[in-house]
């Protein structure tokens, strides 16, 4: 896993982008303001690591954040109050399986320490095969004993089954060619 200390400047940039543009365009389960800021922080940090330049929102992004060749990559970032563990899951909305994305980079943002962890990556097929599907309205029991009702159909994939990334060089070699 790759750990990145987020700067206040990056967090403020993400906040400004969310406040100005808003990023919920599916019409359901779009995430609240905090969840959108977390997601944009992850995207900004990855874009910076890969040298992709500024995020320039232009409405719905087609389900991916950047592409190289035939790889359409969506960055998925979950906000947490702890560092990620191998048994922690990442969510991909089922509707995203119909979008253009072919690869997902999964990140976890510890909101207390402001450390973004790049947990790994998976293809869309990996998510379908290695993840668990939960239909909208289904109860979902968490490992800590709490539960929730799924707001939308989704796949969950554990950190332990993701393709690992240990260095920024591996990230670049995997996604920039």
N, C-alpha and C. Protein backbone atom coordinates (compact mmCIF):
# COMPACT_ATOMS: atom_id res chain seq x y z
N UNK A 1 0.85 -1.19 0.00
CA UNK A 1 0.00 0.00 0.00
C UNK A 1 0.89 1.24 0.00
N UNK A 2 0.43 2.24 -0.68
CA UNK A 2 1.15 3.52 -0.77
C UNK A 2 0.43 4.53 0.12
N UNK A 3 1.17 5.19 0.97
CA UNK A 3 0.59 6.19 1.88
C UNK A 3 1.06 7.59 1.48
N UNK A 4 0.10 8.52 1.47
CA UNK A 4 0.38 9.90 1.08
C UNK A 4 -0.22 10.83 2.13
N UNK A 5 0.58 11.73 2.66
CA UNK A 5 0.08 12.76 3.57
C UNK A 5 -0.54 13.86 2.72
N UNK A 6 -1.83 14.09 2.87
CA UNK A 6 -2.49 15.13 2.09
C UNK A 6 -2.18 16.50 2.69
N UNK A 7 -1.93 17.44 1.82
CA UNK A 7 -1.67 18.80 2.26
C UNK A 7 -3.00 19.53 2.46
N UNK A 8 -2.95 20.56 3.27
CA UNK A 8 -4.14 21.39 3.45
C UNK A 8 -4.54 22.03 2.12
N UNK A 9 -3.55 22.34 1.30
CA UNK A 9 -3.82 22.95 0.00
C UNK A 9 -4.64 22.01 -0.88
N UNK A 10 -4.28 20.71 -0.91
CA UNK A 10 -5.03 19.74 -1.72
C UNK A 10 -6.45 19.58 -1.18
N UNK A 11 -6.58 19.50 0.14
CA UNK A 11 -7.91 19.35 0.74
C UNK A 11 -8.78 20.57 0.44
N UNK A 12 -8.19 21.74 0.51
CA UNK A 12 -8.95 22.97 0.21
C UNK A 12 -9.34 23.02 -1.26
N UNK A 13 -8.44 22.58 -2.13
CA UNK A 13 -8.74 22.54 -3.56
C UNK A 13 -9.92 21.59 -3.83
N UNK A 14 -9.90 20.43 -3.17
CA UNK A 14 -11.01 19.48 -3.33
C UNK A 14 -12.31 20.08 -2.82
N UNK A 15 -12.25 20.73 -1.69
CA UNK A 15 -13.44 21.37 -1.10
C UNK A 15 -13.99 22.43 -2.04
N UNK A 16 -13.12 23.25 -2.59
CA UNK A 16 -13.55 24.31 -3.51
C UNK A 16 -14.19 23.71 -4.77
N UNK A 17 -13.61 22.64 -5.30
CA UNK A 17 -14.17 22.01 -6.50
C UNK A 17 -15.56 21.45 -6.22
N UNK A 18 -15.71 20.77 -5.08
CA UNK A 18 -17.02 20.20 -4.73
C UNK A 18 -18.04 21.31 -4.51
N UNK A 19 -17.64 22.36 -3.80
CA UNK A 19 -18.58 23.46 -3.54
C UNK A 19 -18.98 24.18 -4.82
N UNK A 20 -18.07 24.29 -5.77
CA UNK A 20 -18.37 25.02 -7.00
C UNK A 20 -19.14 24.14 -8.00
N UNK A 21 -18.67 22.89 -8.20
CA UNK A 21 -19.25 22.05 -9.25
C UNK A 21 -20.28 21.05 -8.73
N UNK A 22 -20.05 20.52 -7.54
CA UNK A 22 -20.85 19.37 -7.11
C UNK A 22 -20.46 18.19 -7.98
N UNK A 23 -20.44 17.01 -7.45
CA UNK A 23 -19.99 15.87 -8.24
C UNK A 23 -20.99 14.73 -8.26
N UNK A 24 -22.16 14.92 -7.71
CA UNK A 24 -23.18 13.88 -7.75
C UNK A 24 -24.04 14.05 -8.97
N UNK A 25 -23.87 13.19 -9.98
CA UNK A 25 -24.62 13.34 -11.22
C UNK A 25 -25.38 12.08 -11.63
N UNK A 26 -25.40 11.06 -10.75
CA UNK A 26 -26.17 9.85 -11.09
C UNK A 26 -27.65 10.06 -10.81
N UNK A 27 -27.94 10.90 -9.79
CA UNK A 27 -29.33 11.13 -9.40
C UNK A 27 -29.76 10.28 -8.22
N UNK A 28 -28.91 9.35 -7.77
CA UNK A 28 -29.17 8.54 -6.58
C UNK A 28 -27.82 8.11 -6.03
N UNK A 29 -27.75 7.95 -4.72
CA UNK A 29 -26.52 7.51 -4.04
C UNK A 29 -25.30 8.28 -4.54
N UNK A 30 -25.46 9.59 -4.70
CA UNK A 30 -24.38 10.43 -5.23
C UNK A 30 -23.34 10.81 -4.18
N UNK A 31 -23.61 10.54 -2.95
CA UNK A 31 -22.68 10.93 -1.89
C UNK A 31 -22.96 12.34 -1.42
N UNK A 32 -22.82 12.53 -0.12
CA UNK A 32 -23.01 13.87 0.43
C UNK A 32 -21.75 14.70 0.20
N UNK A 33 -21.76 15.93 0.66
CA UNK A 33 -20.64 16.84 0.43
C UNK A 33 -19.33 16.26 0.95
N UNK A 34 -19.34 15.73 2.17
CA UNK A 34 -18.11 15.17 2.75
C UNK A 34 -17.61 14.00 1.93
N UNK A 35 -18.51 13.10 1.52
CA UNK A 35 -18.11 11.96 0.71
C UNK A 35 -17.55 12.39 -0.63
N UNK A 36 -18.13 13.44 -1.21
CA UNK A 36 -17.61 13.95 -2.47
C UNK A 36 -16.23 14.57 -2.29
N UNK A 37 -16.02 15.30 -1.19
CA UNK A 37 -14.69 15.89 -0.93
C UNK A 37 -13.65 14.78 -0.77
N UNK A 38 -13.99 13.72 -0.04
CA UNK A 38 -13.09 12.58 0.12
C UNK A 38 -12.72 12.02 -1.25
N UNK A 39 -13.71 11.81 -2.11
CA UNK A 39 -13.46 11.27 -3.44
C UNK A 39 -12.58 12.17 -4.29
N UNK A 40 -12.84 13.45 -4.24
CA UNK A 40 -12.04 14.39 -5.03
C UNK A 40 -10.62 14.47 -4.48
N UNK A 41 -10.45 14.39 -3.16
CA UNK A 41 -9.09 14.35 -2.58
C UNK A 41 -8.32 13.17 -3.16
N UNK A 42 -8.95 12.00 -3.21
CA UNK A 42 -8.28 10.83 -3.77
C UNK A 42 -7.91 11.03 -5.22
N UNK A 43 -8.84 11.57 -6.00
CA UNK A 43 -8.54 11.80 -7.41
C UNK A 43 -7.43 12.82 -7.60
N UNK A 44 -7.47 13.92 -6.86
CA UNK A 44 -6.43 14.93 -6.98
C UNK A 44 -5.05 14.38 -6.62
N UNK A 45 -4.99 13.58 -5.55
CA UNK A 45 -3.71 13.02 -5.13
C UNK A 45 -3.14 12.07 -6.19
N UNK A 46 -3.99 11.21 -6.76
CA UNK A 46 -3.54 10.28 -7.79
C UNK A 46 -3.12 11.05 -9.04
N UNK A 47 -3.90 12.03 -9.43
CA UNK A 47 -3.56 12.84 -10.61
C UNK A 47 -2.20 13.50 -10.42
N UNK A 48 -1.96 13.99 -9.22
CA UNK A 48 -0.67 14.63 -8.92
C UNK A 48 0.47 13.62 -9.01
N UNK A 49 0.29 12.44 -8.43
CA UNK A 49 1.33 11.40 -8.49
C UNK A 49 1.66 10.99 -9.92
N UNK A 50 0.64 10.93 -10.76
CA UNK A 50 0.82 10.48 -12.14
C UNK A 50 1.14 11.63 -13.11
N UNK A 51 1.17 12.85 -12.60
CA UNK A 51 1.48 14.00 -13.45
C UNK A 51 0.40 14.29 -14.47
N UNK A 52 -0.86 14.09 -14.09
CA UNK A 52 -1.97 14.25 -15.03
C UNK A 52 -2.52 15.67 -15.11
N UNK A 53 -2.06 16.57 -14.30
CA UNK A 53 -2.57 17.94 -14.35
C UNK A 53 -3.84 18.10 -13.55
N UNK A 54 -4.40 19.28 -13.63
CA UNK A 54 -5.58 19.62 -12.84
C UNK A 54 -6.82 18.87 -13.27
N UNK A 55 -7.70 18.69 -12.32
CA UNK A 55 -9.03 18.13 -12.57
C UNK A 55 -9.88 19.26 -13.14
N UNK A 56 -10.48 19.01 -14.29
CA UNK A 56 -11.31 20.01 -14.95
C UNK A 56 -12.70 19.43 -15.18
N UNK A 57 -13.59 19.56 -14.20
CA UNK A 57 -14.94 18.98 -14.32
C UNK A 57 -15.72 19.59 -15.48
N UNK A 58 -16.40 18.72 -16.21
CA UNK A 58 -17.23 19.15 -17.34
C UNK A 58 -18.52 18.36 -17.34
N UNK A 59 -19.14 18.23 -16.17
CA UNK A 59 -20.36 17.43 -16.06
C UNK A 59 -20.02 15.98 -15.82
N UNK A 60 -20.94 15.08 -16.16
CA UNK A 60 -20.73 13.65 -15.93
C UNK A 60 -19.49 13.18 -16.66
N UNK A 61 -18.63 12.44 -15.96
CA UNK A 61 -17.33 12.04 -16.52
C UNK A 61 -17.37 10.72 -17.28
N UNK A 62 -18.53 10.12 -17.44
CA UNK A 62 -18.63 8.86 -18.16
C UNK A 62 -18.26 7.65 -17.32
N UNK A 63 -17.99 7.87 -16.02
CA UNK A 63 -17.67 6.75 -15.14
C UNK A 63 -16.20 6.46 -15.00
N UNK A 64 -15.35 7.35 -15.49
CA UNK A 64 -13.91 7.16 -15.31
C UNK A 64 -13.25 8.52 -15.10
N UNK A 65 -12.07 8.49 -14.48
CA UNK A 65 -11.37 9.72 -14.13
C UNK A 65 -10.23 10.06 -15.09
N UNK A 66 -9.59 9.06 -15.68
CA UNK A 66 -8.57 9.30 -16.69
C UNK A 66 -8.39 8.03 -17.50
N UNK A 67 -7.75 8.15 -18.66
CA UNK A 67 -7.48 6.96 -19.45
C UNK A 67 -6.13 7.05 -20.14
N UNK A 68 -5.57 5.88 -20.37
CA UNK A 68 -4.38 5.70 -21.20
C UNK A 68 -4.69 4.52 -22.09
N UNK A 69 -4.67 4.76 -23.38
CA UNK A 69 -5.00 3.69 -24.31
C UNK A 69 -6.38 3.14 -24.02
N UNK A 70 -6.45 1.84 -23.85
CA UNK A 70 -7.75 1.20 -23.61
C UNK A 70 -8.06 1.02 -22.13
N UNK A 71 -7.29 1.64 -21.26
CA UNK A 71 -7.54 1.57 -19.82
C UNK A 71 -8.26 2.84 -19.37
N UNK A 72 -9.50 2.66 -18.94
CA UNK A 72 -10.31 3.76 -18.43
C UNK A 72 -10.41 3.57 -16.91
N UNK A 73 -9.76 4.46 -16.18
CA UNK A 73 -9.53 4.26 -14.75
C UNK A 73 -10.42 5.16 -13.91
N UNK A 74 -11.11 4.55 -12.95
CA UNK A 74 -11.93 5.29 -11.99
C UNK A 74 -11.27 5.14 -10.62
N UNK A 75 -11.08 6.25 -9.95
CA UNK A 75 -10.47 6.26 -8.62
C UNK A 75 -11.58 6.25 -7.60
N UNK A 76 -11.57 5.24 -6.72
CA UNK A 76 -12.60 5.07 -5.70
C UNK A 76 -11.95 5.31 -4.34
N UNK A 77 -12.44 6.30 -3.60
CA UNK A 77 -11.86 6.64 -2.31
C UNK A 77 -12.93 6.60 -1.23
N UNK A 78 -12.64 5.85 -0.17
CA UNK A 78 -13.55 5.77 0.98
C UNK A 78 -12.94 6.53 2.15
N UNK A 79 -13.77 7.32 2.81
CA UNK A 79 -13.34 8.03 4.02
C UNK A 79 -13.52 7.12 5.22
N UNK A 80 -12.53 7.12 6.08
CA UNK A 80 -12.57 6.29 7.29
C UNK A 80 -11.97 7.09 8.44
N UNK A 81 -12.11 6.56 9.64
CA UNK A 81 -11.49 7.20 10.81
C UNK A 81 -10.29 6.40 11.28
N UNK A 82 -9.91 5.37 10.52
CA UNK A 82 -8.76 4.52 10.83
C UNK A 82 -8.02 4.20 9.53
N UNK A 83 -6.81 3.65 9.67
CA UNK A 83 -6.08 3.20 8.49
C UNK A 83 -6.71 1.91 7.97
N UNK A 84 -6.62 1.66 6.67
CA UNK A 84 -7.24 0.47 6.10
C UNK A 84 -6.52 -0.81 6.52
N UNK A 85 -7.28 -1.88 6.59
CA UNK A 85 -6.79 -3.21 6.90
C UNK A 85 -7.12 -4.13 5.73
N UNK A 86 -6.43 -5.28 5.62
CA UNK A 86 -6.69 -6.19 4.50
C UNK A 86 -8.14 -6.64 4.38
N UNK A 87 -8.85 -6.78 5.50
CA UNK A 87 -10.24 -7.26 5.43
C UNK A 87 -11.25 -6.15 5.14
N UNK A 88 -10.82 -4.90 5.12
CA UNK A 88 -11.72 -3.79 4.79
C UNK A 88 -12.14 -3.89 3.33
N UNK A 89 -13.37 -3.42 3.06
CA UNK A 89 -13.90 -3.51 1.71
C UNK A 89 -13.95 -2.13 1.04
N UNK A 90 -14.00 -2.20 -0.28
CA UNK A 90 -14.18 -1.03 -1.13
C UNK A 90 -15.47 -1.24 -1.90
N UNK A 91 -16.19 -0.16 -2.16
CA UNK A 91 -17.49 -0.25 -2.84
C UNK A 91 -17.41 0.23 -4.28
N UNK A 92 -18.12 -0.48 -5.13
CA UNK A 92 -18.32 -0.05 -6.52
C UNK A 92 -19.81 -0.20 -6.78
N UNK A 93 -20.46 0.89 -7.11
CA UNK A 93 -21.88 0.85 -7.43
C UNK A 93 -22.10 -0.06 -8.64
N UNK A 94 -23.13 -0.88 -8.59
CA UNK A 94 -23.41 -1.82 -9.67
C UNK A 94 -23.62 -1.11 -11.00
N UNK A 95 -24.22 0.07 -10.96
CA UNK A 95 -24.45 0.81 -12.21
C UNK A 95 -23.14 1.16 -12.90
N UNK A 96 -22.05 1.26 -12.13
CA UNK A 96 -20.76 1.59 -12.73
C UNK A 96 -20.24 0.48 -13.63
N UNK A 97 -20.80 -0.71 -13.49
CA UNK A 97 -20.40 -1.81 -14.38
C UNK A 97 -20.87 -1.55 -15.81
N UNK A 98 -21.84 -0.63 -15.97
CA UNK A 98 -22.31 -0.26 -17.30
C UNK A 98 -21.56 0.94 -17.87
N UNK A 99 -20.71 1.58 -17.06
CA UNK A 99 -19.96 2.75 -17.50
C UNK A 99 -18.69 2.31 -18.23
N UNK A 100 -17.97 3.27 -18.74
CA UNK A 100 -16.82 3.00 -19.59
C UNK A 100 -15.58 2.52 -18.81
N UNK A 101 -15.55 2.72 -17.51
CA UNK A 101 -14.37 2.34 -16.73
C UNK A 101 -14.02 0.87 -16.94
N UNK A 102 -12.71 0.59 -17.00
CA UNK A 102 -12.21 -0.78 -17.12
C UNK A 102 -11.38 -1.17 -15.90
N UNK A 103 -10.85 -0.17 -15.19
CA UNK A 103 -9.98 -0.40 -14.04
C UNK A 103 -10.39 0.54 -12.90
N UNK A 104 -10.17 0.08 -11.68
CA UNK A 104 -10.44 0.89 -10.50
C UNK A 104 -9.18 0.94 -9.64
N UNK A 105 -8.85 2.14 -9.14
CA UNK A 105 -7.82 2.29 -8.12
C UNK A 105 -8.57 2.59 -6.84
N UNK A 106 -8.31 1.78 -5.81
CA UNK A 106 -9.03 1.91 -4.55
C UNK A 106 -8.15 2.59 -3.50
N UNK A 107 -8.71 3.63 -2.90
CA UNK A 107 -8.00 4.40 -1.87
C UNK A 107 -8.84 4.50 -0.61
N UNK A 108 -8.16 4.74 0.49
CA UNK A 108 -8.81 4.96 1.77
C UNK A 108 -8.21 6.21 2.38
N UNK A 109 -9.08 7.14 2.79
CA UNK A 109 -8.60 8.37 3.41
C UNK A 109 -8.93 8.34 4.90
N UNK A 110 -7.89 8.34 5.72
CA UNK A 110 -8.07 8.46 7.16
C UNK A 110 -8.32 9.94 7.43
N UNK A 111 -9.57 10.27 7.74
CA UNK A 111 -9.95 11.68 7.90
C UNK A 111 -9.34 12.31 9.15
N UNK A 112 -8.93 11.48 10.11
CA UNK A 112 -8.30 12.02 11.32
C UNK A 112 -6.85 12.43 11.08
N UNK A 113 -6.11 11.59 10.36
CA UNK A 113 -4.68 11.86 10.13
C UNK A 113 -4.41 12.52 8.79
N UNK A 114 -5.42 12.56 7.91
CA UNK A 114 -5.29 13.10 6.55
C UNK A 114 -4.28 12.32 5.71
N UNK A 115 -4.22 11.02 5.97
CA UNK A 115 -3.35 10.14 5.19
C UNK A 115 -4.21 9.35 4.21
N UNK A 116 -3.86 9.47 2.93
CA UNK A 116 -4.52 8.71 1.88
C UNK A 116 -3.69 7.46 1.63
N UNK A 117 -4.35 6.31 1.66
CA UNK A 117 -3.68 5.05 1.36
C UNK A 117 -4.21 4.53 0.04
N UNK A 118 -3.31 4.26 -0.89
CA UNK A 118 -3.69 3.59 -2.13
C UNK A 118 -3.63 2.10 -1.82
N UNK A 119 -4.81 1.51 -1.73
CA UNK A 119 -4.92 0.11 -1.26
C UNK A 119 -4.59 -0.90 -2.35
N UNK A 120 -4.82 -0.54 -3.61
CA UNK A 120 -4.56 -1.44 -4.72
C UNK A 120 -5.49 -1.14 -5.88
N UNK A 121 -5.52 -2.03 -6.84
CA UNK A 121 -6.36 -1.82 -8.01
C UNK A 121 -6.98 -3.14 -8.46
N UNK A 122 -8.02 -3.01 -9.29
CA UNK A 122 -8.70 -4.18 -9.85
C UNK A 122 -9.34 -3.78 -11.17
N UNK A 123 -9.49 -4.76 -12.04
CA UNK A 123 -10.26 -4.54 -13.26
C UNK A 123 -11.74 -4.67 -12.93
N UNK A 124 -12.56 -4.26 -13.85
CA UNK A 124 -14.01 -4.42 -13.68
C UNK A 124 -14.35 -5.89 -13.51
N UNK A 125 -13.70 -6.75 -14.28
CA UNK A 125 -13.95 -8.19 -14.17
C UNK A 125 -13.51 -8.73 -12.81
N UNK A 126 -12.38 -8.23 -12.28
CA UNK A 126 -11.94 -8.64 -10.94
C UNK A 126 -13.03 -8.33 -9.91
N UNK A 127 -13.60 -7.13 -10.01
CA UNK A 127 -14.63 -6.72 -9.05
C UNK A 127 -15.82 -7.67 -9.12
N UNK A 128 -16.24 -8.02 -10.32
CA UNK A 128 -17.37 -8.94 -10.49
C UNK A 128 -17.06 -10.34 -9.96
N UNK A 129 -15.82 -10.80 -10.19
CA UNK A 129 -15.47 -12.18 -9.82
C UNK A 129 -15.03 -12.32 -8.36
N UNK A 130 -14.28 -11.34 -7.85
CA UNK A 130 -13.71 -11.44 -6.50
C UNK A 130 -14.53 -10.69 -5.45
N UNK A 131 -15.42 -9.83 -5.91
CA UNK A 131 -16.23 -9.05 -4.99
C UNK A 131 -17.52 -9.75 -4.64
N UNK A 132 -18.24 -9.17 -3.69
CA UNK A 132 -19.57 -9.67 -3.32
C UNK A 132 -20.60 -8.65 -3.75
N UNK A 133 -21.69 -9.15 -4.30
CA UNK A 133 -22.76 -8.28 -4.78
C UNK A 133 -23.83 -8.14 -3.71
N UNK A 134 -24.31 -6.90 -3.52
CA UNK A 134 -25.41 -6.62 -2.60
C UNK A 134 -26.45 -5.80 -3.36
N UNK A 135 -27.68 -6.30 -3.41
CA UNK A 135 -28.76 -5.61 -4.10
C UNK A 135 -29.28 -4.45 -3.25
N UNK A 136 -29.80 -3.43 -3.93
CA UNK A 136 -30.40 -2.29 -3.24
C UNK A 136 -31.45 -2.79 -2.26
N UNK A 137 -31.44 -2.21 -1.06
CA UNK A 137 -32.40 -2.58 -0.03
C UNK A 137 -31.99 -3.77 0.83
N UNK A 138 -30.92 -4.44 0.42
CA UNK A 138 -30.44 -5.60 1.18
C UNK A 138 -29.74 -5.15 2.45
N UNK A 139 -29.95 -5.86 3.54
CA UNK A 139 -29.17 -5.53 4.74
C UNK A 139 -27.73 -5.99 4.55
N UNK A 140 -26.81 -5.21 5.04
CA UNK A 140 -25.38 -5.51 4.91
C UNK A 140 -24.77 -5.46 6.30
N UNK A 141 -24.31 -6.60 6.80
CA UNK A 141 -23.69 -6.65 8.13
C UNK A 141 -22.19 -6.39 7.99
N UNK A 142 -21.70 -5.44 8.77
CA UNK A 142 -20.28 -5.10 8.75
C UNK A 142 -19.50 -6.01 9.70
N UNK A 143 -18.18 -6.04 9.51
CA UNK A 143 -17.33 -6.89 10.34
C UNK A 143 -17.32 -6.45 11.80
N UNK A 144 -17.66 -5.18 12.07
CA UNK A 144 -17.68 -4.70 13.46
C UNK A 144 -19.02 -4.97 14.15
N UNK A 145 -19.92 -5.68 13.47
CA UNK A 145 -21.21 -6.03 14.06
C UNK A 145 -22.34 -5.08 13.73
N UNK A 146 -22.03 -3.89 13.23
CA UNK A 146 -23.08 -2.95 12.85
C UNK A 146 -23.64 -3.37 11.49
N UNK A 147 -24.77 -2.78 11.13
CA UNK A 147 -25.36 -3.11 9.84
C UNK A 147 -25.95 -1.86 9.20
N UNK A 148 -26.24 -1.99 7.92
CA UNK A 148 -26.87 -0.91 7.15
C UNK A 148 -27.69 -1.52 6.04
N UNK A 149 -28.55 -0.72 5.46
CA UNK A 149 -29.33 -1.13 4.30
C UNK A 149 -28.69 -0.48 3.08
N UNK A 150 -28.41 -1.26 2.05
CA UNK A 150 -27.77 -0.73 0.84
C UNK A 150 -28.69 0.27 0.15
N UNK A 151 -28.19 1.48 -0.06
CA UNK A 151 -28.96 2.52 -0.75
C UNK A 151 -29.08 2.25 -2.24
N UNK A 152 -28.10 1.52 -2.76
CA UNK A 152 -28.09 1.17 -4.18
C UNK A 152 -27.38 -0.18 -4.31
N UNK A 153 -27.63 -0.88 -5.39
CA UNK A 153 -26.93 -2.14 -5.63
C UNK A 153 -25.44 -1.86 -5.79
N UNK A 154 -24.62 -2.74 -5.18
CA UNK A 154 -23.18 -2.49 -5.22
C UNK A 154 -22.39 -3.78 -5.08
N UNK A 155 -21.12 -3.66 -5.44
CA UNK A 155 -20.15 -4.73 -5.22
C UNK A 155 -19.20 -4.25 -4.13
N UNK A 156 -18.78 -5.19 -3.30
CA UNK A 156 -17.75 -4.92 -2.31
C UNK A 156 -16.57 -5.83 -2.62
N UNK A 157 -15.37 -5.26 -2.61
CA UNK A 157 -14.17 -6.05 -2.84
C UNK A 157 -13.17 -5.75 -1.74
N UNK A 158 -12.62 -6.79 -1.15
CA UNK A 158 -11.70 -6.64 -0.02
C UNK A 158 -10.32 -6.18 -0.50
N UNK A 159 -9.67 -5.40 0.36
CA UNK A 159 -8.30 -4.98 0.08
C UNK A 159 -7.39 -6.18 -0.16
N UNK A 160 -7.64 -7.27 0.55
CA UNK A 160 -6.76 -8.44 0.47
C UNK A 160 -6.73 -9.10 -0.90
N UNK A 161 -7.74 -8.85 -1.75
CA UNK A 161 -7.76 -9.48 -3.08
C UNK A 161 -7.42 -8.50 -4.20
N UNK A 162 -7.11 -7.27 -3.85
CA UNK A 162 -6.73 -6.28 -4.86
C UNK A 162 -5.32 -6.55 -5.38
N UNK A 163 -5.05 -6.08 -6.59
CA UNK A 163 -3.68 -6.07 -7.10
C UNK A 163 -2.92 -5.03 -6.30
N UNK A 164 -1.81 -5.44 -5.73
CA UNK A 164 -1.06 -4.58 -4.81
C UNK A 164 -0.24 -3.53 -5.55
N UNK A 165 -0.08 -2.40 -4.89
CA UNK A 165 0.82 -1.33 -5.33
C UNK A 165 1.64 -0.93 -4.11
N UNK A 166 2.96 -1.04 -4.21
CA UNK A 166 3.82 -0.71 -3.08
C UNK A 166 4.59 0.59 -3.28
N UNK A 167 4.74 1.02 -4.53
CA UNK A 167 5.51 2.24 -4.81
C UNK A 167 4.80 3.08 -5.87
N UNK A 168 5.15 4.34 -5.91
CA UNK A 168 4.60 5.23 -6.93
C UNK A 168 5.06 4.77 -8.31
N UNK A 169 6.27 4.23 -8.41
CA UNK A 169 6.75 3.71 -9.69
C UNK A 169 5.85 2.59 -10.20
N UNK A 170 5.42 1.69 -9.30
CA UNK A 170 4.50 0.62 -9.70
C UNK A 170 3.17 1.20 -10.19
N UNK A 171 2.70 2.24 -9.51
CA UNK A 171 1.47 2.90 -9.93
C UNK A 171 1.62 3.45 -11.34
N UNK A 172 2.71 4.15 -11.58
CA UNK A 172 2.95 4.72 -12.91
C UNK A 172 3.12 3.65 -13.96
N UNK A 173 3.89 2.60 -13.64
CA UNK A 173 4.11 1.52 -14.62
C UNK A 173 2.82 0.79 -14.97
N UNK A 174 1.90 0.70 -14.01
CA UNK A 174 0.64 -0.01 -14.23
C UNK A 174 -0.33 0.80 -15.07
N UNK A 175 -0.36 2.12 -14.86
CA UNK A 175 -1.42 2.91 -15.47
C UNK A 175 -0.97 3.92 -16.53
N UNK A 176 0.31 4.17 -16.66
CA UNK A 176 0.77 5.09 -17.69
C UNK A 176 1.69 4.33 -18.63
N UNK A 177 1.33 4.29 -19.89
CA UNK A 177 2.16 3.59 -20.88
C UNK A 177 2.14 4.32 -22.18
